[in-house]
Amino acid sequence: MGTTVKTSADQALALINDSVRTLKAYHLTPETRNVKLNQNENPCDWDRGIKERAAAFFAERPWNRYPDFVPDALKARLAAHVGTTPDGVIVGNGSNEMLLVLMLSFAAKAKSAIVCSPTFSVYRLLSNGMGIRPVDVSLTNDLRYDVPAIKKAAAGNPGAMLIICSPNNPTGNAVSEADLRDILSVHTGVCVLDQAYVEFGGFNATGLIDEYKNLIIARTFSKAMAAAGMRLGYMIGDPEVITEINKIKLPYNINFFTEHAASTILDNAAMAQKSVDMIIKERDLLYDYLKTLQFDNVYPSTANFILIRTKHKQKLFQHLKDSDILVRDVSSYPMLENCLRFSIGTPDENKLLQKSLKLFFDRV
């Protein structure tokens, strides 16, 4: 009989890529409060009648059968929605999966990823997990994109992957068309433009795809489309590039309910637009109010959230929790010491936030 080899837990862990072992996991501690302004969700849920029609489909559709291998009907609907062709669209289980597919497609040749910090932490998590060397370019002191620094990093890292979030999470700033063109004029690698929040403001870059074949835009249904629980994301790019990326995408990555519900949402896009219009109005009203309070800084936003800085960060965070309001502490991000992020809620939720903030500063 042969000798049985037993592997210890330490030996098994040692087999995991070092780039993964050194990562800090992306995590959000689950908490429940009446006013939830911590995850940049759309505060407006979908009409019950629309949900019931989708649920009826779910009840009738056989569960034992696979969804469409390629969700062509949904791709066509998305293409019409954003003004492109279906062969230039790829659909995934949230925009995070789309970012992962991009990394898989470009990592070996890109070798490095230019990331403009502070920004969405999943970019660094995915690139490190893939063994792609991160190249950090800091935002300016007023938390705007440093275009000369980005161009310098692009020139010094030819072929690198460049990731730009616009509007940027968690700062709310956006890159302009002129600045994006300036960057793309020197960048030779793939440029991933994450526009998860673009419906709330900033430059919509879909019109540049025909001109810049290395530009790929990521979008989501989690924000403007009020479907964070559905997990649907998509990417838009040159059809030839998207065809190649599709080869590495997992088969059947969109379940049949998500596919149907997304089409239902697109049928009712005008309802989503009403919530977007409300959020933009409320964001601007809240920004004006926040500017009247004793914050160290209130940063302009083109997204569905506002970033603030205060030396009373920890006390304010706890005060809001005690007032049944959850906001996001982003002070661990680079350059964001003492910063909190407020998602835009309904008018009533925003009034409760303002009331709680006033009470706090009246006592400070």
Protein backbone atom coordinates (compact mmCIF):
# COMPACT_ATOMS: atom_id res chain seq x y z
CA MET A 1 0.00 0.00 0.00
CA GLY A 2 1.20 3.51 -0.79
CA THR A 3 1.90 6.11 1.83
CA THR A 4 -0.93 8.55 2.49
CA VAL A 5 0.22 12.16 2.37
CA LYS A 6 -1.56 14.49 4.74
CA THR A 7 -1.43 18.23 4.15
CA SER A 8 -1.67 20.60 7.09
CA ALA A 9 -3.80 23.75 7.03
CA ASP A 10 -0.63 25.87 6.91
CA GLN A 11 0.65 23.89 3.93
CA ALA A 12 -2.66 24.28 2.12
CA LEU A 13 -2.75 28.01 2.81
CA ALA A 14 0.80 28.32 1.50
CA LEU A 15 -0.48 27.14 -1.90
CA ILE A 16 -2.65 30.24 -2.29
CA ASN A 17 -1.17 33.05 -4.36
CA ASP A 18 0.78 35.51 -2.21
CA SER A 19 -1.07 38.36 -3.92
CA VAL A 20 -4.32 36.97 -2.49
CA ARG A 21 -3.00 36.14 0.99
CA THR A 22 -1.86 39.73 1.54
CA LEU A 23 -5.21 41.24 0.53
CA LYS A 24 -7.58 42.86 2.98
CA ALA A 25 -11.04 41.46 2.24
CA TYR A 26 -13.75 43.81 0.95
CA HIS A 27 -16.28 43.78 3.77
CA LEU A 28 -19.24 45.74 5.07
CA THR A 29 -20.55 44.92 8.53
CA PRO A 30 -24.30 44.31 8.19
CA GLU A 31 -26.30 46.76 10.30
CA THR A 32 -29.95 47.72 10.30
CA ARG A 33 -31.25 51.24 10.77
CA ASN A 34 -34.46 52.95 9.69
CA VAL A 35 -32.65 55.41 7.40
CA LYS A 36 -30.06 53.58 5.29
CA LEU A 37 -27.69 56.03 3.60
CA ASN A 38 -24.52 53.95 3.56
CA GLN A 39 -24.46 51.94 0.31
CA ASN A 40 -25.36 54.42 -2.46
CA GLU A 41 -28.57 52.56 -3.18
CA ASN A 42 -31.49 54.16 -4.99
CA PRO A 43 -34.00 54.83 -2.18
CA CYS A 44 -36.99 54.26 -4.48
CA ASP A 45 -38.16 50.68 -4.80
CA TRP A 46 -40.06 49.42 -7.83
CA ASP A 47 -43.84 49.49 -8.07
CA ARG A 48 -45.52 46.41 -6.61
CA GLY A 49 -47.47 45.77 -9.82
CA ILE A 50 -44.24 45.57 -11.82
CA LYS A 51 -42.78 43.18 -9.25
CA GLU A 52 -45.88 40.98 -9.37
CA ARG A 53 -45.70 40.69 -13.17
CA ALA A 54 -42.06 39.62 -12.88
CA ALA A 55 -42.98 37.18 -10.11
CA ALA A 56 -45.67 35.64 -12.31
CA PHE A 57 -43.03 34.91 -14.95
CA PHE A 58 -40.83 33.39 -12.26
CA ALA A 59 -43.66 31.10 -11.16
CA GLU A 60 -44.37 29.84 -14.69
CA ARG A 61 -40.87 29.54 -16.07
CA PRO A 62 -39.33 26.03 -15.57
CA TRP A 63 -36.59 26.15 -12.93
CA ASN A 64 -34.96 22.97 -14.17
CA ARG A 65 -33.95 24.52 -17.51
CA TYR A 66 -30.90 26.68 -18.11
CA PRO A 67 -31.27 30.36 -18.97
CA ASP A 68 -30.27 31.59 -22.42
CA PHE A 69 -26.65 30.77 -23.17
CA VAL A 70 -26.29 34.29 -24.55
CA PRO A 71 -28.98 36.77 -23.40
CA ASP A 72 -29.35 38.25 -26.88
CA ALA A 73 -32.72 39.87 -26.22
CA LEU A 74 -31.41 41.66 -23.14
CA LYS A 75 -28.23 42.72 -24.95
CA ALA A 76 -30.36 44.23 -27.71
CA ARG A 77 -32.45 46.11 -25.16
CA LEU A 78 -29.34 47.42 -23.40
CA ALA A 79 -27.77 48.44 -26.69
CA ALA A 80 -30.86 50.45 -27.58
CA HIS A 81 -30.88 51.96 -24.09
CA VAL A 82 -27.31 53.28 -24.28
CA GLY A 83 -27.14 53.90 -28.04
CA THR A 84 -24.80 51.18 -29.29
CA THR A 85 -25.02 47.81 -31.06
CA PRO A 86 -25.75 44.47 -29.32
CA ASP A 87 -22.38 43.00 -30.34
CA GLY A 88 -20.73 45.80 -28.38
CA VAL A 89 -22.41 44.76 -25.11
CA ILE A 90 -21.47 42.07 -22.59
CA VAL A 91 -23.71 41.30 -19.61
CA GLY A 92 -22.69 40.00 -16.20
CA ASN A 93 -23.62 39.31 -12.60
CA GLY A 94 -23.05 42.87 -11.44
CA SER A 95 -20.44 45.25 -12.80
CA ASN A 96 -17.93 43.69 -10.38
CA GLU A 97 -18.05 40.46 -12.38
CA MET A 98 -17.51 42.49 -15.53
CA LEU A 99 -14.41 44.05 -13.99
CA LEU A 100 -13.14 40.58 -13.09
CA VAL A 101 -13.67 39.39 -16.68
CA LEU A 102 -11.71 42.42 -17.89
CA MET A 103 -8.85 41.60 -15.56
CA LEU A 104 -8.81 38.01 -16.79
CA SER A 105 -8.73 39.20 -20.39
CA PHE A 106 -5.96 41.81 -20.10
CA ALA A 107 -3.87 40.93 -17.03
CA ALA A 108 -1.04 38.97 -18.63
CA LYS A 109 -0.19 41.67 -21.19
CA ALA A 110 -1.09 44.70 -19.09
CA LYS A 111 1.14 43.63 -16.17
CA SER A 112 0.16 46.78 -14.24
CA ALA A 113 -3.02 48.69 -13.43
CA ILE A 114 -3.12 52.46 -13.02
CA VAL A 115 -5.62 53.32 -10.30
CA CYS A 116 -6.58 56.87 -9.28
CA SER A 117 -6.83 56.87 -5.48
CA PRO A 118 -8.97 57.27 -3.49
CA THR A 119 -11.51 55.24 -5.45
CA PHE A 120 -13.58 52.06 -5.35
CA SER A 121 -11.44 49.58 -3.40
CA VAL A 122 -12.50 46.55 -5.48
CA TYR A 123 -10.20 47.70 -8.33
CA ARG A 124 -7.13 47.18 -6.19
CA LEU A 125 -8.53 43.98 -4.71
CA LEU A 126 -9.09 42.43 -8.16
CA SER A 127 -5.82 43.64 -9.67
CA ASN A 128 -3.79 42.42 -6.70
CA GLY A 129 -5.62 39.10 -6.77
CA MET A 130 -4.63 38.72 -10.41
CA GLY A 131 -1.02 39.58 -9.68
CA ILE A 132 -1.25 42.84 -11.63
CA ARG A 133 1.12 45.47 -10.25
CA PRO A 134 -0.86 48.49 -9.01
CA VAL A 135 0.32 51.95 -10.03
CA ASP A 136 -1.30 54.57 -7.78
CA VAL A 137 -2.03 58.08 -9.01
CA SER A 138 -3.44 60.27 -6.26
CA LEU A 139 -6.26 62.71 -6.81
CA THR A 140 -5.45 66.36 -6.29
CA ASN A 141 -5.74 67.91 -2.84
CA ASP A 142 -9.31 68.99 -3.65
CA LEU A 143 -10.07 65.39 -4.75
CA ARG A 144 -10.19 65.92 -8.50
CA TYR A 145 -8.51 63.84 -11.20
CA ASP A 146 -4.87 64.82 -11.70
CA VAL A 147 -4.77 64.55 -15.50
CA PRO A 148 -1.05 65.39 -15.94
CA ALA A 149 -0.16 62.73 -13.33
CA ILE A 150 -2.38 60.15 -15.05
CA LYS A 151 -0.78 60.89 -18.40
CA LYS A 152 2.68 60.60 -16.85
CA ALA A 153 1.78 57.20 -15.36
CA ALA A 154 0.37 56.06 -18.71
CA ALA A 155 3.53 57.12 -20.54
CA GLY A 156 5.72 55.39 -17.93
CA ASN A 157 3.69 52.16 -18.05
CA PRO A 158 2.92 51.50 -21.72
CA GLY A 159 0.18 48.93 -22.21
CA ALA A 160 -1.00 49.17 -18.59
CA MET A 161 -4.66 48.89 -17.68
CA LEU A 162 -6.06 52.26 -16.63
CA ILE A 163 -9.13 52.30 -14.37
CA ILE A 164 -11.11 55.50 -13.95
CA CYS A 165 -14.35 55.71 -11.97
CA SER A 166 -16.45 58.63 -13.18
CA PRO A 167 -18.33 59.82 -11.22
CA ASN A 168 -15.84 58.55 -8.68
CA ASN A 169 -16.80 56.56 -5.60
CA PRO A 170 -16.44 57.74 -2.83
CA THR A 171 -15.48 61.31 -3.77
CA GLY A 172 -18.20 62.23 -6.30
CA ASN A 173 -15.90 63.93 -8.82
CA ALA A 174 -16.06 63.16 -12.56
CA VAL A 175 -13.66 63.32 -15.47
CA SER A 176 -14.62 65.72 -18.26
CA GLU A 177 -14.74 64.83 -21.96
CA ALA A 178 -11.75 67.06 -22.66
CA ASP A 179 -9.70 65.46 -19.89
CA LEU A 180 -10.67 61.94 -20.93
CA ARG A 181 -9.67 62.66 -24.52
CA ASP A 182 -6.40 64.12 -23.27
CA ILE A 183 -5.68 60.94 -21.29
CA LEU A 184 -6.66 58.61 -24.14
CA SER A 185 -4.40 60.52 -26.52
CA VAL A 186 -1.35 59.07 -24.72
CA HIS A 187 -2.65 55.88 -23.08
CA THR A 188 -1.82 52.75 -25.09
CA GLY A 189 -3.42 50.09 -22.87
CA VAL A 190 -7.06 49.35 -22.18
CA CYS A 191 -8.94 52.11 -20.38
CA VAL A 192 -11.73 50.89 -18.11
CA LEU A 193 -14.21 53.66 -17.40
CA ASP A 194 -16.52 52.67 -14.56
CA GLN A 195 -19.67 54.75 -14.99
CA ALA A 196 -21.85 53.13 -12.34
CA TYR A 197 -23.13 56.58 -11.31
CA VAL A 198 -23.17 58.41 -14.64
CA GLU A 199 -26.97 58.76 -14.76
CA PHE A 200 -26.65 61.21 -11.84
CA GLY A 201 -24.08 63.44 -13.54
CA GLY A 202 -20.74 63.66 -15.28
CA PHE A 203 -19.77 63.03 -18.88
CA ASN A 204 -21.42 60.04 -20.61
CA ALA A 205 -18.56 58.56 -22.64
CA THR A 206 -20.40 56.01 -24.80
CA GLY A 207 -19.99 58.27 -27.83
CA LEU A 208 -16.19 57.88 -27.67
CA ILE A 209 -16.08 54.11 -28.15
CA ASP A 210 -15.99 54.27 -31.96
CA GLU A 211 -13.07 56.70 -31.74
CA TYR A 212 -11.07 54.97 -28.98
CA LYS A 213 -11.07 51.20 -29.45
CA ASN A 214 -9.20 50.68 -26.16
CA LEU A 215 -12.04 52.28 -24.15
CA ILE A 216 -14.43 49.96 -22.28
CA ILE A 217 -17.27 51.33 -20.17
CA ALA A 218 -18.79 49.48 -17.20
CA ARG A 219 -22.37 50.14 -16.11
CA THR A 220 -24.75 48.74 -13.50
CA PHE A 221 -28.44 48.37 -12.64
CA SER A 222 -27.64 48.80 -8.93
CA LYS A 223 -27.85 52.59 -8.74
CA ALA A 224 -30.03 54.59 -11.14
CA MET A 225 -32.05 51.51 -12.11
CA ALA A 226 -32.88 50.76 -8.42
CA ALA A 227 -32.00 47.07 -8.72
CA ALA A 228 -29.01 46.52 -6.41
CA GLY A 229 -30.52 43.25 -5.21
CA MET A 230 -30.77 41.91 -8.76
CA ARG A 231 -27.02 42.01 -9.49
CA LEU A 232 -26.85 43.02 -13.14
CA GLY A 233 -23.94 44.81 -14.75
CA TYR A 234 -22.80 45.28 -18.30
CA MET A 235 -19.90 46.59 -20.35
CA ILE A 236 -19.87 48.54 -23.59
CA GLY A 237 -16.96 48.52 -26.00
CA ASP A 238 -15.79 48.00 -29.55
CA PRO A 239 -17.58 44.88 -30.89
CA GLU A 240 -14.34 43.13 -31.89
CA VAL A 241 -12.86 43.69 -28.41
CA ILE A 242 -16.09 42.62 -26.67
CA THR A 243 -16.18 39.43 -28.79
CA GLU A 244 -12.77 38.44 -27.45
CA ILE A 245 -13.65 39.29 -23.84
CA ASN A 246 -16.80 37.17 -24.15
CA LYS A 247 -14.60 34.08 -24.54
CA ILE A 248 -13.48 34.22 -20.91
CA LYS A 249 -16.90 35.09 -19.43
CA LEU A 250 -18.47 32.22 -17.50
CA PRO A 251 -21.34 30.50 -19.35
CA TYR A 252 -24.88 31.08 -18.06
CA ASN A 253 -23.70 33.90 -15.80
CA ILE A 254 -27.09 35.62 -15.97
CA ASN A 255 -29.99 33.72 -14.41
CA PHE A 256 -33.37 33.76 -16.13
CA PHE A 257 -35.05 35.87 -13.46
CA THR A 258 -32.45 38.62 -13.67
CA GLU A 259 -32.67 38.59 -17.45
CA HIS A 260 -36.46 38.95 -17.38
CA ALA A 261 -36.52 41.52 -14.56
CA ALA A 262 -33.90 43.67 -16.32
CA SER A 263 -36.02 43.74 -19.48
CA THR A 264 -39.04 44.70 -17.37
CA ILE A 265 -37.05 47.55 -15.83
CA LEU A 266 -36.02 48.77 -19.28
CA ASP A 267 -39.70 48.70 -20.30
CA ASN A 268 -40.30 51.10 -17.42
CA ALA A 269 -37.15 53.20 -17.68
CA ALA A 270 -39.21 56.39 -17.34
CA MET A 271 -40.01 55.42 -13.75
CA ALA A 272 -36.32 54.99 -12.99
CA GLN A 273 -35.63 58.39 -14.54
CA LYS A 274 -38.13 59.99 -12.16
CA SER A 275 -36.21 58.62 -9.20
CA VAL A 276 -32.92 59.83 -10.74
CA ASP A 277 -34.37 63.33 -11.19
CA MET A 278 -35.53 63.31 -7.57
CA ILE A 279 -32.11 62.16 -6.31
CA ILE A 280 -30.29 64.87 -8.28
CA LYS A 281 -32.62 67.54 -6.89
CA GLU A 282 -32.26 66.21 -3.35
CA ARG A 283 -28.47 65.92 -3.70
CA ASP A 284 -28.16 69.56 -4.66
CA LEU A 285 -30.48 70.67 -1.84
CA LEU A 286 -28.56 68.57 0.68
CA TYR A 287 -25.23 69.91 -0.58
CA ASP A 288 -26.42 73.48 -0.07
CA TYR A 289 -27.55 72.61 3.46
CA LEU A 290 -24.34 70.80 4.38
CA LYS A 291 -22.36 73.87 3.32
CA THR A 292 -24.10 75.85 6.07
CA LEU A 293 -22.82 73.48 8.80
CA GLN A 294 -19.46 73.37 10.56
CA PHE A 295 -17.82 70.73 8.37
CA ASP A 296 -14.16 71.02 7.46
CA ASN A 297 -15.16 70.34 3.87
CA VAL A 298 -18.19 69.37 1.80
CA TYR A 299 -17.16 68.08 -1.62
CA PRO A 300 -19.19 68.75 -4.78
CA SER A 301 -20.75 65.60 -6.21
CA THR A 302 -22.05 64.40 -9.56
CA ALA A 303 -23.18 61.08 -8.07
CA ASN A 304 -25.94 59.97 -5.67
CA PHE A 305 -23.89 60.68 -2.56
CA ILE A 306 -21.95 63.49 -0.93
CA LEU A 307 -18.57 63.25 0.82
CA ILE A 308 -17.88 65.37 3.90
CA ARG A 309 -14.87 65.85 6.16
CA THR A 310 -15.09 66.67 9.86
CA LYS A 311 -12.77 66.47 12.85
CA HIS A 312 -15.83 65.17 14.74
CA LYS A 313 -16.11 62.18 12.39
CA GLN A 314 -16.36 59.39 14.96
CA LYS A 315 -18.76 61.24 17.26
CA LEU A 316 -20.94 62.26 14.31
CA PHE A 317 -20.98 58.74 12.89
CA GLN A 318 -22.14 57.33 16.22
CA HIS A 319 -24.64 60.18 16.73
CA LEU A 320 -26.25 59.37 13.38
CA LYS A 321 -26.41 55.66 14.23
CA ASP A 322 -28.06 56.53 17.52
CA SER A 323 -30.51 58.63 15.49
CA ASP A 324 -31.39 55.51 13.44
CA ILE A 325 -29.36 56.71 10.42
CA LEU A 326 -26.59 54.71 8.74
CA VAL A 327 -23.92 56.52 6.70
CA ARG A 328 -20.57 55.23 5.42
CA ASP A 329 -17.28 55.80 7.22
CA VAL A 330 -14.68 56.07 4.42
CA SER A 331 -11.89 57.49 6.59
CA SER A 332 -9.66 54.45 5.96
CA TYR A 333 -9.31 55.38 2.27
CA PRO A 334 -6.15 57.24 1.18
CA MET A 335 -6.55 61.03 1.54
CA LEU A 336 -9.95 60.65 3.25
CA GLU A 337 -9.06 61.03 6.92
CA ASN A 338 -12.12 62.11 8.93
CA CYS A 339 -14.46 61.61 5.97
CA LEU A 340 -18.01 60.26 5.86
CA ARG A 341 -20.15 59.57 2.80
CA PHE A 342 -23.89 60.32 2.77
CA SER A 343 -26.01 58.51 0.18
CA ILE A 344 -28.98 60.52 -1.04
CA GLY A 345 -32.25 59.20 0.34
CA THR A 346 -35.88 60.11 -0.13
CA PRO A 347 -36.93 63.68 0.71
CA ASP A 348 -38.19 62.49 4.12
CA GLU A 349 -34.96 60.60 4.84
CA ASN A 350 -32.87 63.59 3.86
CA LYS A 351 -34.90 65.79 6.19
CA LEU A 352 -34.26 63.37 9.04
CA LEU A 353 -30.54 63.48 8.23
CA GLN A 354 -30.55 67.28 8.23
CA LYS A 355 -32.46 67.37 11.53
CA SER A 356 -29.97 64.99 13.15
CA LEU A 357 -26.99 66.94 11.79
CA LYS A 358 -28.37 70.22 13.10
CA LEU A 359 -28.91 68.68 16.53
CA PHE A 360 -25.33 67.40 16.56
CA PHE A 361 -23.73 70.71 15.63
CA ASP A 362 -25.96 72.63 18.02
CA ARG A 363 -24.41 70.53 20.79
CA VAL A 364 -20.78 70.63 19.62
